[in-house]
Amino acid sequence: MDILYLLVPVSLLLVVAIAVVFWWSVKSGQFDDLEGPAYRLMMEDDDRPAEDNSPVKKESGAPVAHKTK
């Protein structure tokens, strides 16, 4: 019976600590959007312009000459 004098306050402190951590996580935005990042992985990025992967870069219509040693 004497152990209840220890366990009840400890359990109440634990409940308060969990409530404070939960309140902080809600206020900091941890639960704002749970499904958005999962759908963003599947979306294609069509907004980016096509990259030019050609080995010779052209400026003003003339090819760029590379110096060889």
N, C-alpha and C. Protein backbone atom coordinates (compact mmCIF):
# COMPACT_ATOMS: atom_id res chain seq x y z
N MET A 1 0.82 -1.19 0.00
CA MET A 1 0.00 0.00 0.00
C MET A 1 0.87 1.26 0.00
N ASP A 2 2.02 1.19 0.65
CA ASP A 2 2.91 2.35 0.70
C ASP A 2 3.48 2.69 -0.67
N ILE A 3 3.56 1.71 -1.57
CA ILE A 3 4.10 1.97 -2.90
C ILE A 3 3.19 2.89 -3.70
N LEU A 4 1.90 2.92 -3.39
CA LEU A 4 0.98 3.81 -4.09
C LEU A 4 1.31 5.27 -3.86
N TYR A 5 1.88 5.59 -2.69
CA TYR A 5 2.28 6.97 -2.41
C TYR A 5 3.42 7.41 -3.34
N LEU A 6 4.14 6.47 -3.88
CA LEU A 6 5.20 6.78 -4.83
C LEU A 6 4.69 6.69 -6.27
N LEU A 7 3.92 5.65 -6.58
CA LEU A 7 3.51 5.41 -7.96
C LEU A 7 2.50 6.42 -8.49
N VAL A 8 1.59 6.88 -7.67
CA VAL A 8 0.58 7.84 -8.13
C VAL A 8 1.22 9.18 -8.52
N PRO A 9 2.07 9.79 -7.71
CA PRO A 9 2.71 11.04 -8.16
C PRO A 9 3.63 10.84 -9.37
N VAL A 10 4.34 9.73 -9.42
CA VAL A 10 5.21 9.47 -10.57
C VAL A 10 4.38 9.32 -11.84
N SER A 11 3.27 8.61 -11.76
CA SER A 11 2.41 8.45 -12.94
C SER A 11 1.77 9.77 -13.35
N LEU A 12 1.42 10.61 -12.40
CA LEU A 12 0.86 11.92 -12.74
C LEU A 12 1.92 12.80 -13.40
N LEU A 13 3.15 12.76 -12.92
CA LEU A 13 4.23 13.50 -13.57
C LEU A 13 4.48 12.99 -14.99
N LEU A 14 4.38 11.70 -15.19
CA LEU A 14 4.56 11.12 -16.51
C LEU A 14 3.45 11.57 -17.46
N VAL A 15 2.22 11.60 -16.99
CA VAL A 15 1.10 12.07 -17.81
C VAL A 15 1.28 13.54 -18.18
N VAL A 16 1.71 14.35 -17.24
CA VAL A 16 1.93 15.77 -17.52
C VAL A 16 3.07 15.95 -18.52
N ALA A 17 4.14 15.18 -18.38
CA ALA A 17 5.26 15.28 -19.31
C ALA A 17 4.83 14.87 -20.72
N ILE A 18 4.05 13.81 -20.84
CA ILE A 18 3.56 13.38 -22.15
C ILE A 18 2.64 14.43 -22.75
N ALA A 19 1.78 15.03 -21.94
CA ALA A 19 0.88 16.07 -22.43
C ALA A 19 1.66 17.29 -22.91
N VAL A 20 2.71 17.67 -22.21
CA VAL A 20 3.52 18.82 -22.62
C VAL A 20 4.23 18.53 -23.94
N VAL A 21 4.79 17.34 -24.09
CA VAL A 21 5.47 16.98 -25.33
C VAL A 21 4.48 16.93 -26.49
N PHE A 22 3.29 16.39 -26.26
CA PHE A 22 2.27 16.34 -27.30
C PHE A 22 1.82 17.75 -27.68
N TRP A 23 1.61 18.62 -26.72
CA TRP A 23 1.21 20.00 -27.00
C TRP A 23 2.28 20.72 -27.81
N TRP A 24 3.55 20.52 -27.45
CA TRP A 24 4.65 21.14 -28.19
C TRP A 24 4.68 20.64 -29.63
N SER A 25 4.49 19.35 -29.84
CA SER A 25 4.55 18.81 -31.20
C SER A 25 3.40 19.31 -32.05
N VAL A 26 2.23 19.50 -31.48
CA VAL A 26 1.10 20.04 -32.24
C VAL A 26 1.35 21.50 -32.57
N LYS A 27 1.85 22.27 -31.63
CA LYS A 27 2.10 23.69 -31.87
C LYS A 27 3.25 23.93 -32.84
N SER A 28 4.21 23.02 -32.92
CA SER A 28 5.34 23.22 -33.82
C SER A 28 5.08 22.69 -35.22
N GLY A 29 3.90 22.13 -35.47
CA GLY A 29 3.54 21.73 -36.83
C GLY A 29 3.93 20.32 -37.20
N GLN A 30 4.15 19.45 -36.25
CA GLN A 30 4.54 18.08 -36.55
C GLN A 30 3.41 17.30 -37.23
N PHE A 31 2.17 17.66 -37.00
CA PHE A 31 1.03 16.91 -37.52
C PHE A 31 0.27 17.68 -38.58
N ASP A 32 0.88 18.67 -39.21
CA ASP A 32 0.16 19.49 -40.19
C ASP A 32 -0.21 18.72 -41.45
N ASP A 33 0.74 18.07 -42.07
CA ASP A 33 0.49 17.38 -43.33
C ASP A 33 1.17 16.02 -43.29
N LEU A 34 0.39 14.97 -43.05
CA LEU A 34 0.98 13.64 -42.94
C LEU A 34 1.09 12.94 -44.28
N GLU A 35 0.21 13.26 -45.24
CA GLU A 35 0.19 12.55 -46.51
C GLU A 35 0.92 13.29 -47.63
N GLY A 36 1.16 14.56 -47.49
CA GLY A 36 1.78 15.34 -48.55
C GLY A 36 3.15 14.86 -48.98
N PRO A 37 4.08 14.61 -48.05
CA PRO A 37 5.40 14.14 -48.47
C PRO A 37 5.37 12.81 -49.21
N ALA A 38 4.43 11.93 -48.86
CA ALA A 38 4.33 10.65 -49.56
C ALA A 38 3.89 10.84 -51.00
N TYR A 39 2.97 11.76 -51.24
CA TYR A 39 2.51 12.01 -52.60
C TYR A 39 3.54 12.81 -53.40
N ARG A 40 4.31 13.66 -52.74
CA ARG A 40 5.32 14.43 -53.44
C ARG A 40 6.43 13.56 -54.01
N LEU A 41 6.68 12.41 -53.40
CA LEU A 41 7.68 11.50 -53.93
C LEU A 41 7.26 10.93 -55.27
N MET A 42 5.95 10.73 -55.46
CA MET A 42 5.46 10.11 -56.69
C MET A 42 5.25 11.11 -57.82
N MET A 43 5.22 12.39 -57.52
CA MET A 43 4.99 13.40 -58.56
C MET A 43 6.24 13.60 -59.39
N GLU A 44 6.04 13.84 -60.68
CA GLU A 44 7.16 14.14 -61.55
C GLU A 44 7.41 15.63 -61.54
N ASP A 45 8.66 16.00 -61.70
CA ASP A 45 9.03 17.40 -61.72
C ASP A 45 9.07 17.87 -63.17
N ASP A 46 7.92 18.28 -63.71
CA ASP A 46 7.85 18.76 -65.08
C ASP A 46 8.15 20.25 -65.18
N ASP A 47 8.32 20.91 -64.06
CA ASP A 47 8.54 22.35 -64.06
C ASP A 47 9.97 22.73 -64.45
N ARG A 48 10.90 21.81 -64.30
CA ARG A 48 12.30 22.12 -64.61
C ARG A 48 12.52 22.12 -66.12
N PRO A 49 13.32 23.05 -66.63
CA PRO A 49 13.63 23.04 -68.07
C PRO A 49 14.55 21.87 -68.40
N ALA A 50 14.50 21.45 -69.65
CA ALA A 50 15.34 20.34 -70.09
C ALA A 50 16.80 20.76 -70.05
N GLU A 51 17.65 19.88 -69.59
CA GLU A 51 19.08 20.18 -69.50
C GLU A 51 19.76 19.85 -70.82
N ASP A 52 20.73 20.66 -71.19
CA ASP A 52 21.50 20.43 -72.40
C ASP A 52 22.74 19.64 -72.02
N ASN A 53 22.78 18.37 -72.39
CA ASN A 53 23.90 17.51 -72.03
C ASN A 53 24.91 17.35 -73.16
N SER A 54 24.89 18.24 -74.13
CA SER A 54 25.83 18.13 -75.24
C SER A 54 27.24 18.48 -74.76
N PRO A 55 28.28 17.83 -75.31
CA PRO A 55 29.64 18.08 -74.83
C PRO A 55 30.18 19.44 -75.24
N VAL A 56 29.68 20.05 -76.31
CA VAL A 56 30.18 21.34 -76.78
C VAL A 56 29.14 22.40 -76.46
N LYS A 57 29.55 23.39 -75.70
CA LYS A 57 28.65 24.50 -75.38
C LYS A 57 28.83 25.59 -76.42
N LYS A 58 27.72 26.14 -76.85
CA LYS A 58 27.79 27.19 -77.87
C LYS A 58 27.41 28.53 -77.26
N GLU A 59 28.16 29.56 -77.67
CA GLU A 59 27.83 30.92 -77.27
C GLU A 59 27.68 31.74 -78.53
N SER A 60 26.60 32.38 -78.68
CA SER A 60 26.29 33.25 -79.82
C SER A 60 26.48 32.53 -81.16
N GLY A 61 26.13 31.28 -81.21
CA GLY A 61 26.16 30.55 -82.47
C GLY A 61 27.50 29.96 -82.84
N ALA A 62 28.57 30.31 -82.18
CA ALA A 62 29.90 29.80 -82.53
C ALA A 62 30.30 28.71 -81.54
N PRO A 63 30.89 27.61 -82.02
CA PRO A 63 31.33 26.57 -81.09
C PRO A 63 32.52 27.04 -80.26
N VAL A 64 32.63 26.52 -79.07
CA VAL A 64 33.72 26.88 -78.17
C VAL A 64 34.89 25.96 -78.44
N ALA A 65 36.05 26.53 -78.67
CA ALA A 65 37.25 25.75 -78.94
C ALA A 65 37.98 25.50 -77.63
N HIS A 66 38.40 24.27 -77.42
CA HIS A 66 39.14 23.91 -76.22
C HIS A 66 40.62 23.83 -76.56
N LYS A 67 41.45 24.38 -75.71
CA LYS A 67 42.90 24.34 -75.93
C LYS A 67 43.43 22.97 -75.55
N THR A 68 44.30 22.45 -76.37
CA THR A 68 44.95 21.18 -76.06
C THR A 68 46.43 21.43 -75.86
N LYS A 69 47.03 20.69 -74.99
CA LYS A 69 48.45 20.88 -74.68
C LYS A 69 49.28 19.85 -75.37
